[in-house]
């Protein structure tokens, strides 16, 4: 039987760092207020010339290097993003061109902050069915482009960045189980309710969020999804070495870990210095902990996402 395994990770953060004090100088907020409610101290913001495909390219290069593969070895590219360069073509096609290759399948997945989990599941299915042998899966976002920078309830939360993994076919299970869900009736809780029509923006081009509603919903579905996916993998929660949830808010992360009765030292937290990078947050966090030597080959990971849609999902992975 054919499975897929993660054989390389990579990430990229734009060089510009924005600390909480920068918001405090122009909004009715403070470093203490932001930290207390979100756990965020700083975030990276892309330059005006940087696009999601640019960030994806910089994350893909170290992932390919870690996998000891060249771009031409990849036969599938899936990019998770809610902030594509263009309406079309896809950011994945633009990434493919920037990597200097052509011919392999390339497309985007849009599931907001669950996007990377959806993309990972898609690539895993391609490999399991024999349609692909090696896949590049990327989460890349420039959420700074869709924020109202005068809304202290949202603009302090988000950052830009990209994370990538390379999947390869293997006889050993790597991705053991994935469960994906959505509930479109919750659309008003978190959305960017705008679109382009006849050369004009129709509706609002800025992110809108019911913070308390998102918090309650996220903690509930992350717990349910974790238990469902671990059971589908034939494991117990005690078998999990690392919980890597979508990095939205440290209070959501800690509440989820408590409900799952996982030790605090098993919880991966990067939101304090990355902010919420939407579809990029899980692969960014994974790569950081791989590169600092905390996550090692053989560790069992529970990857989770939850975001606007509402969408949510989890994957149990052995690195």
C-alpha atoms as a PDB file:
ATOM      1  CA  UNK A   1       0.000   0.000   0.000  1.00  0.00           C
ATOM      2  CA  UNK A   2       1.185   3.525  -0.775  1.00  0.00           C
ATOM      3  CA  UNK A   3       1.226   6.302   1.805  1.00  0.00           C
ATOM      4  CA  UNK A   4       2.628   9.817   1.862  1.00  0.00           C
ATOM      5  CA  UNK A   5       5.245  11.187   4.225  1.00  0.00           C
ATOM      6  CA  UNK A   6       6.578  14.658   4.908  1.00  0.00           C
ATOM      7  CA  UNK A   7      10.205  14.602   3.752  1.00  0.00           C
ATOM      8  CA  UNK A   8      11.026  18.316   3.905  1.00  0.00           C
ATOM      9  CA  UNK A   9       9.790  21.520   5.533  1.00  0.00           C
ATOM     10  CA  UNK A  10      10.453  25.187   4.859  1.00  0.00           C
ATOM     11  CA  UNK A  11       9.177  28.631   5.789  1.00  0.00           C
ATOM     12  CA  UNK A  12       9.603  32.310   5.078  1.00  0.00           C
ATOM     13  CA  UNK A  13       8.734  35.483   6.955  1.00  0.00           C
ATOM     14  CA  UNK A  14       9.029  38.959   5.415  1.00  0.00           C
ATOM     15  CA  UNK A  15      11.849  40.982   7.013  1.00  0.00           C
ATOM     16  CA  UNK A  16       9.660  43.828   8.241  1.00  0.00           C
ATOM     17  CA  UNK A  17       8.623  43.245  11.874  1.00  0.00           C
ATOM     18  CA  UNK A  18       5.764  45.222  13.425  1.00  0.00           C
ATOM     19  CA  UNK A  19       5.605  45.227  17.212  1.00  0.00           C
ATOM     20  CA  UNK A  20       2.609  46.098  19.356  1.00  0.00           C
ATOM     21  CA  UNK A  21       4.014  49.512  20.210  1.00  0.00           C
ATOM     22  CA  UNK A  22       3.562  50.583  16.589  1.00  0.00           C
ATOM     23  CA  UNK A  23      -0.190  50.031  16.924  1.00  0.00           C
ATOM     24  CA  UNK A  24      -0.259  51.767  20.303  1.00  0.00           C
ATOM     25  CA  UNK A  25       1.133  54.944  18.753  1.00  0.00           C
ATOM     26  CA  UNK A  26      -1.858  55.392  16.443  1.00  0.00           C
ATOM     27  CA  UNK A  27      -4.733  53.332  17.889  1.00  0.00           C
ATOM     28  CA  UNK A  28      -6.487  53.183  21.245  1.00  0.00           C
ATOM     29  CA  UNK A  29      -4.587  50.120  22.366  1.00  0.00           C
ATOM     30  CA  UNK A  30      -1.375  49.067  24.114  1.00  0.00           C
ATOM     31  CA  UNK A  31       1.184  46.308  24.122  1.00  0.00           C
ATOM     32  CA  UNK A  32      -0.321  44.983  27.370  1.00  0.00           C
ATOM     33  CA  UNK A  33      -3.871  45.011  25.945  1.00  0.00           C
ATOM     34  CA  UNK A  34      -2.830  43.053  22.842  1.00  0.00           C
ATOM     35  CA  UNK A  35      -0.696  40.529  24.726  1.00  0.00           C
ATOM     36  CA  UNK A  36      -3.361  39.872  27.343  1.00  0.00           C
ATOM     37  CA  UNK A  37      -6.086  39.130  24.789  1.00  0.00           C
ATOM     38  CA  UNK A  38      -4.088  37.419  22.058  1.00  0.00           C
ATOM     39  CA  UNK A  39      -0.599  36.529  23.261  1.00  0.00           C
ATOM     40  CA  UNK A  40       0.823  38.314  20.217  1.00  0.00           C
ATOM     41  CA  UNK A  41       3.911  40.517  20.599  1.00  0.00           C
ATOM     42  CA  UNK A  42       4.919  41.030  16.984  1.00  0.00           C
ATOM     43  CA  UNK A  43       4.190  39.976  13.431  1.00  0.00           C
ATOM     44  CA  UNK A  44       5.868  40.157  10.001  1.00  0.00           C
ATOM     45  CA  UNK A  45       4.375  42.341   7.280  1.00  0.00           C
ATOM     46  CA  UNK A  46       5.148  41.946   3.578  1.00  0.00           C
ATOM     47  CA  UNK A  47       6.471  44.818   1.525  1.00  0.00           C
ATOM     48  CA  UNK A  48       4.089  46.314  -1.017  1.00  0.00           C
ATOM     49  CA  UNK A  49       5.929  44.540  -3.816  1.00  0.00           C
ATOM     50  CA  UNK A  50       5.756  41.098  -2.161  1.00  0.00           C
ATOM     51  CA  UNK A  51       2.936  38.756  -3.146  1.00  0.00           C
ATOM     52  CA  UNK A  52       1.765  35.414  -1.814  1.00  0.00           C
ATOM     53  CA  UNK A  53       3.609  33.611  -4.623  1.00  0.00           C
ATOM     54  CA  UNK A  54       6.823  35.446  -3.672  1.00  0.00           C
ATOM     55  CA  UNK A  55       6.492  34.271  -0.078  1.00  0.00           C
ATOM     56  CA  UNK A  56       5.579  30.768  -1.243  1.00  0.00           C
ATOM     57  CA  UNK A  57       8.717  30.641  -3.395  1.00  0.00           C
ATOM     58  CA  UNK A  58      10.975  31.520  -0.473  1.00  0.00           C
ATOM     59  CA  UNK A  59       9.337  28.856   1.718  1.00  0.00           C
ATOM     60  CA  UNK A  60       9.459  26.218  -1.015  1.00  0.00           C
ATOM     61  CA  UNK A  61      13.192  26.467  -1.620  1.00  0.00           C
ATOM     62  CA  UNK A  62      14.316  25.274   1.847  1.00  0.00           C
ATOM     63  CA  UNK A  63      11.562  22.612   1.864  1.00  0.00           C
ATOM     64  CA  UNK A  64      12.880  21.189  -1.405  1.00  0.00           C
ATOM     65  CA  UNK A  65      16.442  21.409  -0.126  1.00  0.00           C
ATOM     66  CA  UNK A  66      15.503  19.542   3.067  1.00  0.00           C
ATOM     67  CA  UNK A  67      13.823  16.865   0.931  1.00  0.00           C
ATOM     68  CA  UNK A  68      16.912  16.700  -1.311  1.00  0.00           C
ATOM     69  CA  UNK A  69      14.735  17.278  -4.348  1.00  0.00           C
ATOM     70  CA  UNK A  70      14.741  19.712  -7.230  1.00  0.00           C
ATOM     71  CA  UNK A  71      11.666  21.586  -8.484  1.00  0.00           C
ATOM     72  CA  UNK A  72      11.521  19.335 -11.541  1.00  0.00           C
ATOM     73  CA  UNK A  73      11.111  16.318  -9.227  1.00  0.00           C
ATOM     74  CA  UNK A  74       7.731  17.607  -8.046  1.00  0.00           C
ATOM     75  CA  UNK A  75       4.646  16.342  -9.882  1.00  0.00           C
ATOM     76  CA  UNK A  76       1.977  18.208  -7.876  1.00  0.00           C
ATOM     77  CA  UNK A  77       1.839  21.709  -6.378  1.00  0.00           C
ATOM     78  CA  UNK A  78      -0.981  22.769  -4.072  1.00  0.00           C
ATOM     79  CA  UNK A  79      -1.041  26.251  -2.547  1.00  0.00           C
ATOM     80  CA  UNK A  80      -3.430  27.161   0.261  1.00  0.00           C
ATOM     81  CA  UNK A  81      -4.168  30.882   0.294  1.00  0.00           C
ATOM     82  CA  UNK A  82      -6.986  33.368   0.811  1.00  0.00           C
ATOM     83  CA  UNK A  83      -4.849  36.203  -0.565  1.00  0.00           C
ATOM     84  CA  UNK A  84      -3.872  35.090  -4.080  1.00  0.00           C
ATOM     85  CA  UNK A  85      -1.770  37.277  -6.352  1.00  0.00           C
ATOM     86  CA  UNK A  86      -4.516  37.372  -8.976  1.00  0.00           C
ATOM     87  CA  UNK A  87      -8.135  36.345  -9.388  1.00  0.00           C
ATOM     88  CA  UNK A  88      -6.550  33.931 -11.853  1.00  0.00           C
ATOM     89  CA  UNK A  89      -4.255  32.246 -12.698  1.00  0.00           C
ATOM     90  CA  UNK A  90      -3.735  30.412  -9.438  1.00  0.00           C
ATOM     91  CA  UNK A  91      -0.936  31.283  -7.059  1.00  0.00           C
ATOM     92  CA  UNK A  92       0.262  27.692  -7.519  1.00  0.00           C
ATOM     93  CA  UNK A  93       0.733  28.284 -11.253  1.00  0.00           C
ATOM     94  CA  UNK A  94       2.657  31.475 -10.520  1.00  0.00           C
ATOM     95  CA  UNK A  95       4.800  29.592  -7.991  1.00  0.00           C
ATOM     96  CA  UNK A  96       5.465  26.866 -10.541  1.00  0.00           C
ATOM     97  CA  UNK A  97       6.740  29.459 -13.024  1.00  0.00           C
ATOM     98  CA  UNK A  98       8.941  31.096 -10.392  1.00  0.00           C
ATOM     99  CA  UNK A  99      10.457  27.707  -9.591  1.00  0.00           C
ATOM    100  CA  UNK A 100      11.333  27.427 -13.270  1.00  0.00           C
ATOM    101  CA  UNK A 101       9.325  24.299 -14.057  1.00  0.00           C
ATOM    102  CA  UNK A 102       6.227  23.425 -16.064  1.00  0.00           C
ATOM    103  CA  UNK A 103       3.906  20.544 -16.751  1.00  0.00           C
ATOM    104  CA  UNK A 104       2.955  19.212 -13.326  1.00  0.00           C
ATOM    105  CA  UNK A 105      -0.504  19.798 -11.841  1.00  0.00           C
ATOM    106  CA  UNK A 106      -0.754  23.061  -9.897  1.00  0.00           C
ATOM    107  CA  UNK A 107      -3.781  24.602  -8.205  1.00  0.00           C
ATOM    108  CA  UNK A 108      -4.929  26.588  -5.174  1.00  0.00           C
ATOM    109  CA  UNK A 109      -7.087  25.559  -2.220  1.00  0.00           C
ATOM    110  CA  UNK A 110      -9.148  28.208  -0.405  1.00  0.00           C
ATOM    111  CA  UNK A 111     -10.284  27.186   3.073  1.00  0.00           C
ATOM    112  CA  UNK A 112      -8.910  30.243   4.892  1.00  0.00           C
ATOM    113  CA  UNK A 113      -7.086  29.257   8.100  1.00  0.00           C
ATOM    114  CA  UNK A 114      -7.803  25.552   7.542  1.00  0.00           C
ATOM    115  CA  UNK A 115      -6.360  25.839   4.055  1.00  0.00           C
ATOM    116  CA  UNK A 116      -3.109  24.028   4.752  1.00  0.00           C
ATOM    117  CA  UNK A 117      -4.907  21.026   6.278  1.00  0.00           C
ATOM    118  CA  UNK A 118      -7.213  20.863   3.251  1.00  0.00           C
ATOM    119  CA  UNK A 119      -4.225  21.158   0.892  1.00  0.00           C
ATOM    120  CA  UNK A 120      -2.279  18.491   2.777  1.00  0.00           C
ATOM    121  CA  UNK A 121      -5.246  16.125   2.628  1.00  0.00           C
ATOM    122  CA  UNK A 122      -5.621  16.761  -1.104  1.00  0.00           C
ATOM    123  CA  UNK A 123      -1.964  16.033  -1.846  1.00  0.00           C
ATOM    124  CA  UNK A 124      -2.057  12.964   0.413  1.00  0.00           C
ATOM    125  CA  UNK A 125      -5.011  11.627  -1.570  1.00  0.00           C
ATOM    126  CA  UNK A 126      -3.199  12.192  -4.881  1.00  0.00           C
ATOM    127  CA  UNK A 127      -0.214  10.204  -3.623  1.00  0.00           C
ATOM    128  CA  UNK A 128      -2.261   7.409  -2.036  1.00  0.00           C
ATOM    129  CA  UNK A 129      -4.145   6.860  -5.301  1.00  0.00           C
ATOM    130  CA  UNK A 130      -0.977   6.869  -7.384  1.00  0.00           C
ATOM    131  CA  UNK A 131      -1.735  10.076  -9.286  1.00  0.00           C
ATOM    132  CA  UNK A 132       1.396  11.699  -7.821  1.00  0.00           C
ATOM    133  CA  UNK A 133       4.680  10.625  -6.267  1.00  0.00           C
ATOM    134  CA  UNK A 134       5.989  13.914  -4.865  1.00  0.00           C
ATOM    135  CA  UNK A 135       3.972  16.970  -3.903  1.00  0.00           C
ATOM    136  CA  UNK A 136       4.833  20.486  -2.799  1.00  0.00           C
ATOM    137  CA  UNK A 137       2.200  21.801  -0.384  1.00  0.00           C
ATOM    138  CA  UNK A 138       2.356  25.470   0.612  1.00  0.00           C
ATOM    139  CA  UNK A 139       0.387  27.826   2.822  1.00  0.00           C
ATOM    140  CA  UNK A 140       1.066  31.463   1.890  1.00  0.00           C
ATOM    141  CA  UNK A 141      -0.719  34.628   2.954  1.00  0.00           C
ATOM    142  CA  UNK A 142      -0.476  38.417   2.821  1.00  0.00           C
ATOM    143  CA  UNK A 143      -3.393  39.126   5.147  1.00  0.00           C
ATOM    144  CA  UNK A 144      -2.055  42.641   5.695  1.00  0.00           C
ATOM    145  CA  UNK A 145      -3.723  43.485   2.343  1.00  0.00           C
ATOM    146  CA  UNK A 146      -7.250  42.746   3.619  1.00  0.00           C
ATOM    147  CA  UNK A 147      -7.113  44.433   7.041  1.00  0.00           C
ATOM    148  CA  UNK A 148      -8.714  47.667   8.177  1.00  0.00           C
ATOM    149  CA  UNK A 149      -5.687  49.190   9.873  1.00  0.00           C
ATOM    150  CA  UNK A 150      -7.953  51.399  11.992  1.00  0.00           C
ATOM    151  CA  UNK A 151      -9.808  48.434  13.516  1.00  0.00           C
ATOM    152  CA  UNK A 152      -7.887  47.450  16.623  1.00  0.00           C
ATOM    153  CA  UNK A 153      -9.986  44.309  17.018  1.00  0.00           C
ATOM    154  CA  UNK A 154      -8.588  42.741  13.844  1.00  0.00           C
ATOM    155  CA  UNK A 155      -5.491  44.525  12.554  1.00  0.00           C
ATOM    156  CA  UNK A 156      -3.354  43.569  15.569  1.00  0.00           C
ATOM    157  CA  UNK A 157      -4.023  39.863  15.060  1.00  0.00           C
ATOM    158  CA  UNK A 158      -2.580  39.054  11.667  1.00  0.00           C
ATOM    159  CA  UNK A 159       0.773  38.744   9.954  1.00  0.00           C
ATOM    160  CA  UNK A 160       2.167  37.629   6.602  1.00  0.00           C
ATOM    161  CA  UNK A 161       4.258  34.570   5.826  1.00  0.00           C
ATOM    162  CA  UNK A 162       4.515  31.197   4.121  1.00  0.00           C
ATOM    163  CA  UNK A 163       5.259  27.624   5.083  1.00  0.00           C
ATOM    164  CA  UNK A 164       5.834  24.585   2.890  1.00  0.00           C
ATOM    165  CA  UNK A 165       6.195  20.831   3.077  1.00  0.00           C
ATOM    166  CA  UNK A 166       7.233  18.231   0.527  1.00  0.00           C
ATOM    167  CA  UNK A 167       5.273  14.976   0.514  1.00  0.00           C
ATOM    168  CA  UNK A 168       6.686  11.797  -1.017  1.00  0.00           C
ATOM    169  CA  UNK A 169       5.228   8.347  -1.616  1.00  0.00           C
ATOM    170  CA  UNK A 170       6.366   5.744   0.902  1.00  0.00           C
ATOM    171  CA  UNK A 171       5.473   2.257   2.053  1.00  0.00           C
ATOM    172  CA  UNK A 172       5.318   3.527   5.667  1.00  0.00           C
ATOM    173  CA  UNK A 173       2.385   5.604   6.894  1.00  0.00           C
ATOM    174  CA  UNK A 174       3.220   9.275   7.361  1.00  0.00           C
ATOM    175  CA  UNK A 175      -0.184  10.933   7.237  1.00  0.00           C
ATOM    176  CA  UNK A 176      -2.297   8.450   9.189  1.00  0.00           C
ATOM    177  CA  UNK A 177      -5.691  10.138   9.068  1.00  0.00           C
ATOM    178  CA  UNK A 178      -7.305  13.448   8.168  1.00  0.00           C
ATOM    179  CA  UNK A 179     -10.823  14.690   8.841  1.00  0.00           C
ATOM    180  CA  UNK A 180     -12.199  17.854   7.187  1.00  0.00           C
ATOM    181  CA  UNK A 181     -15.389  19.777   7.916  1.00  0.00           C
ATOM    182  CA  UNK A 182     -17.236  22.969   7.028  1.00  0.00           C
ATOM    183  CA  UNK A 183     -20.366  24.833   8.115  1.00  0.00           C
ATOM    184  CA  UNK A 184     -21.369  27.580   5.701  1.00  0.00           C
ATOM    185  CA  UNK A 185     -24.174  28.760   8.002  1.00  0.00           C
ATOM    186  CA  UNK A 186     -21.477  30.422  10.154  1.00  0.00           C
ATOM    187  CA  UNK A 187     -20.322  32.717   7.332  1.00  0.00           C
ATOM    188  CA  UNK A 188     -21.137  35.933   9.213  1.00  0.00           C
ATOM    189  CA  UNK A 189     -18.773  35.103  12.089  1.00  0.00           C
ATOM    190  CA  UNK A 190     -15.579  35.609  10.069  1.00  0.00           C
ATOM    191  CA  UNK A 191     -15.437  36.842   6.493  1.00  0.00           C
ATOM    192  CA  UNK A 192     -14.242  39.339   3.923  1.00  0.00           C
ATOM    193  CA  UNK A 193     -17.638  39.997   2.307  1.00  0.00           C
ATOM    194  CA  UNK A 194     -16.469  41.661  -0.884  1.00  0.00           C
ATOM    195  CA  UNK A 195     -15.818  40.816  -4.512  1.00  0.00           C
ATOM    196  CA  UNK A 196     -14.777  42.497  -7.732  1.00  0.00           C
ATOM    197  CA  UNK A 197     -17.454  43.175 -10.329  1.00  0.00           C
ATOM    198  CA  UNK A 198     -17.206  45.359 -13.432  1.00  0.00           C
ATOM    199  CA  UNK A 199     -14.031  46.985 -12.185  1.00  0.00           C
ATOM    200  CA  UNK A 200     -15.376  47.843  -8.740  1.00  0.00           C
ATOM    201  CA  UNK A 201     -15.204  46.312  -5.276  1.00  0.00           C
ATOM    202  CA  UNK A 202     -18.696  45.203  -4.277  1.00  0.00           C
ATOM    203  CA  UNK A 203     -19.186  44.903  -0.530  1.00  0.00           C
ATOM    204  CA  UNK A 204     -16.353  45.251   1.981  1.00  0.00           C
ATOM    205  CA  UNK A 205     -12.748  44.363   1.085  1.00  0.00           C
ATOM    206  CA  UNK A 206     -11.754  44.134   4.768  1.00  0.00           C
ATOM    207  CA  UNK A 207     -11.768  41.244   7.213  1.00  0.00           C
ATOM    208  CA  UNK A 208     -14.715  41.244   9.635  1.00  0.00           C
ATOM    209  CA  UNK A 209     -14.868  39.076  12.744  1.00  0.00           C
ATOM    210  CA  UNK A 210     -17.008  38.280  15.764  1.00  0.00           C
ATOM    211  CA  UNK A 211     -14.142  37.617  18.144  1.00  0.00           C
ATOM    212  CA  UNK A 212     -16.062  35.994  21.000  1.00  0.00           C
ATOM    213  CA  UNK A 213     -18.076  33.846  18.622  1.00  0.00           C
ATOM    214  CA  UNK A 214     -14.937  32.680  16.821  1.00  0.00           C
ATOM    215  CA  UNK A 215     -13.258  31.805  20.127  1.00  0.00           C
ATOM    216  CA  UNK A 216     -16.108  29.593  21.357  1.00  0.00           C
ATOM    217  CA  UNK A 217     -16.625  27.929  17.998  1.00  0.00           C
ATOM    218  CA  UNK A 218     -12.918  27.302  17.439  1.00  0.00           C
ATOM    219  CA  UNK A 219     -12.245  25.680  20.808  1.00  0.00           C
ATOM    220  CA  UNK A 220     -15.263  23.383  20.447  1.00  0.00           C
ATOM    221  CA  UNK A 221     -14.535  22.151  16.916  1.00  0.00           C
ATOM    222  CA  UNK A 222     -10.783  21.830  17.501  1.00  0.00           C
ATOM    223  CA  UNK A 223     -11.440  19.498  20.425  1.00  0.00           C
ATOM    224  CA  UNK A 224     -14.029  17.475  18.501  1.00  0.00           C
ATOM    225  CA  UNK A 225     -11.829  17.287  15.405  1.00  0.00           C
ATOM    226  CA  UNK A 226      -8.788  16.207  17.399  1.00  0.00           C
ATOM    227  CA  UNK A 227     -10.615  13.331  19.063  1.00  0.00           C
ATOM    228  CA  UNK A 228     -12.252  12.234  15.797  1.00  0.00           C
ATOM    229  CA  UNK A 229      -8.997  12.238  13.818  1.00  0.00           C
ATOM    230  CA  UNK A 230      -6.879  10.536  16.471  1.00  0.00           C
ATOM    231  CA  UNK A 231      -9.505   7.783  16.721  1.00  0.00           C
ATOM    232  CA  UNK A 232      -9.536   7.438  12.923  1.00  0.00           C
ATOM    233  CA  UNK A 233      -5.759   6.955  13.061  1.00  0.00           C
ATOM    234  CA  UNK A 234      -6.216   4.132  15.576  1.00  0.00           C
ATOM    235  CA  UNK A 235      -4.391   6.066  18.277  1.00  0.00           C
ATOM    236  CA  UNK A 236      -4.984   7.687  21.644  1.00  0.00           C
ATOM    237  CA  UNK A 237      -4.373  11.325  22.484  1.00  0.00           C
ATOM    238  CA  UNK A 238      -1.570  10.125  24.751  1.00  0.00           C
ATOM    239  CA  UNK A 239       0.231   8.886  21.607  1.00  0.00           C
ATOM    240  CA  UNK A 240       0.554  12.454  20.292  1.00  0.00           C
ATOM    241  CA  UNK A 241       3.944  14.093  20.838  1.00  0.00           C
ATOM    242  CA  UNK A 242       3.062  17.558  19.512  1.00  0.00           C
ATOM    243  CA  UNK A 243      -0.153  19.511  19.011  1.00  0.00           C
ATOM    244  CA  UNK A 244       0.239  22.091  16.224  1.00  0.00           C
ATOM    245  CA  UNK A 245      -3.017  24.023  15.942  1.00  0.00           C
ATOM    246  CA  UNK A 246      -3.689  26.990  13.697  1.00  0.00           C
ATOM    247  CA  UNK A 247      -1.924  29.890  15.377  1.00  0.00           C
ATOM    248  CA  UNK A 248      -4.861  32.270  15.841  1.00  0.00           C
ATOM    249  CA  UNK A 249      -4.748  33.302  19.472  1.00  0.00           C
ATOM    250  CA  UNK A 250      -2.779  31.873  22.376  1.00  0.00           C
ATOM    251  CA  UNK A 251      -5.940  31.632  24.492  1.00  0.00           C
ATOM    252  CA  UNK A 252      -7.568  29.383  21.872  1.00  0.00           C
ATOM    253  CA  UNK A 253      -4.447  27.209  21.718  1.00  0.00           C
ATOM    254  CA  UNK A 254      -4.179  26.806  25.470  1.00  0.00           C
ATOM    255  CA  UNK A 255      -7.913  26.157  25.900  1.00  0.00           C
ATOM    256  CA  UNK A 256      -7.790  23.431  23.237  1.00  0.00           C
ATOM    257  CA  UNK A 257      -4.788  21.744  24.854  1.00  0.00           C
ATOM    258  CA  UNK A 258      -6.535  21.792  28.258  1.00  0.00           C
ATOM    259  CA  UNK A 259      -9.713  20.232  26.858  1.00  0.00           C
ATOM    260  CA  UNK A 260      -7.614  17.501  25.255  1.00  0.00           C
ATOM    261  CA  UNK A 261      -5.684  17.040  28.514  1.00  0.00           C
ATOM    262  CA  UNK A 262      -2.396  17.417  26.684  1.00  0.00           C
ATOM    263  CA  UNK A 263       0.613  18.615  28.653  1.00  0.00           C
ATOM    264  CA  UNK A 264       1.513  22.270  27.985  1.00  0.00           C
ATOM    265  CA  UNK A 265       4.965  21.244  26.763  1.00  0.00           C
ATOM    266  CA  UNK A 266       3.311  19.349  23.871  1.00  0.00           C
ATOM    267  CA  UNK A 267       1.657  22.508  22.557  1.00  0.00           C
ATOM    268  CA  UNK A 268       3.459  24.329  19.725  1.00  0.00           C
ATOM    269  CA  UNK A 269       3.043  28.114  20.025  1.00  0.00           C
ATOM    270  CA  UNK A 270       4.445  30.579  17.500  1.00  0.00           C
ATOM    271  CA  UNK A 271       1.584  33.077  17.350  1.00  0.00           C
ATOM    272  CA  UNK A 272       3.429  35.315  19.821  1.00  0.00           C
ATOM    273  CA  UNK A 273       6.036  36.228  17.202  1.00  0.00           C
ATOM    274  CA  UNK A 274       4.241  35.374  13.927  1.00  0.00           C
ATOM    275  CA  UNK A 275       0.715  36.615  14.576  1.00  0.00           C
ATOM    276  CA  UNK A 276      -2.124  34.836  12.799  1.00  0.00           C
ATOM    277  CA  UNK A 277      -0.821  33.958   9.329  1.00  0.00           C
ATOM    278  CA  UNK A 278      -3.957  32.038   8.292  1.00  0.00           C
ATOM    279  CA  UNK A 279      -3.135  29.111   5.968  1.00  0.00           C
ATOM    280  CA  UNK A 280       0.594  29.647   6.559  1.00  0.00           C
ATOM    281  CA  UNK A 281       0.465  29.267  10.331  1.00  0.00           C
ATOM    282  CA  UNK A 282       0.611  25.473  10.681  1.00  0.00           C
ATOM    283  CA  UNK A 283       3.499  24.866   8.233  1.00  0.00           C
ATOM    284  CA  UNK A 284       5.346  27.907   9.651  1.00  0.00           C
ATOM    285  CA  UNK A 285       5.063  26.506  13.167  1.00  0.00           C
ATOM    286  CA  UNK A 286       6.019  23.011  12.013  1.00  0.00           C
ATOM    287  CA  UNK A 287       9.141  24.218  10.216  1.00  0.00           C
ATOM    288  CA  UNK A 288      10.269  26.379  13.135  1.00  0.00           C
ATOM    289  CA  UNK A 289      10.086  23.451  15.550  1.00  0.00           C
ATOM    290  CA  UNK A 290      11.753  21.086  13.075  1.00  0.00           C
ATOM    291  CA  UNK A 291      14.617  23.493  12.468  1.00  0.00           C
ATOM    292  CA  UNK A 292      15.201  24.212  16.142  1.00  0.00           C
ATOM    293  CA  UNK A 293      15.425  20.479  16.792  1.00  0.00           C
ATOM    294  CA  UNK A 294      12.367  20.162  19.013  1.00  0.00           C
ATOM    295  CA  UNK A 295      10.332  18.102  16.533  1.00  0.00           C
ATOM    296  CA  UNK A 296      12.284  15.117  15.257  1.00  0.00           C
ATOM    297  CA  UNK A 297      11.835  12.221  12.858  1.00  0.00           C
ATOM    298  CA  UNK A 298       9.416   9.701  14.307  1.00  0.00           C
ATOM    299  CA  UNK A 299       7.427  12.215  16.353  1.00  0.00           C
ATOM    300  CA  UNK A 300       3.667  12.003  16.100  1.00  0.00           C
ATOM    301  CA  UNK A 301       1.962  15.294  15.330  1.00  0.00           C
ATOM    302  CA  UNK A 302      -1.622  16.497  15.460  1.00  0.00           C
ATOM    303  CA  UNK A 303      -2.027  19.327  12.932  1.00  0.00           C
ATOM    304  CA  UNK A 304      -5.202  21.423  13.142  1.00  0.00           C
ATOM    305  CA  UNK A 305      -6.877  24.304  11.362  1.00  0.00           C
ATOM    306  CA  UNK A 306     -10.022  26.336  11.880  1.00  0.00           C
ATOM    307  CA  UNK A 307     -11.106  29.386   9.927  1.00  0.00           C
ATOM    308  CA  UNK A 308     -13.730  31.381   8.093  1.00  0.00           C
ATOM    309  CA  UNK A 309     -16.347  29.412   6.250  1.00  0.00           C
ATOM    310  CA  UNK A 310     -16.497  28.022   8.825  1.00  0.00           C
ATOM    311  CA  UNK A 311     -13.933  25.334   7.991  1.00  0.00           C
ATOM    312  CA  UNK A 312     -11.974  23.052  10.290  1.00  0.00           C
ATOM    313  CA  UNK A 313      -9.960  19.880  10.174  1.00  0.00           C
ATOM    314  CA  UNK A 314      -7.108  17.820  11.631  1.00  0.00           C
ATOM    315  CA  UNK A 315      -4.360  15.487  10.463  1.00  0.00           C
ATOM    316  CA  UNK A 316      -2.403  12.930  12.456  1.00  0.00           C
ATOM    317  CA  UNK A 317       1.116  12.717  11.075  1.00  0.00           C
ATOM    318  CA  UNK A 318       4.283  10.799  11.876  1.00  0.00           C
ATOM    319  CA  UNK A 319       7.230  12.886  10.765  1.00  0.00           C
END
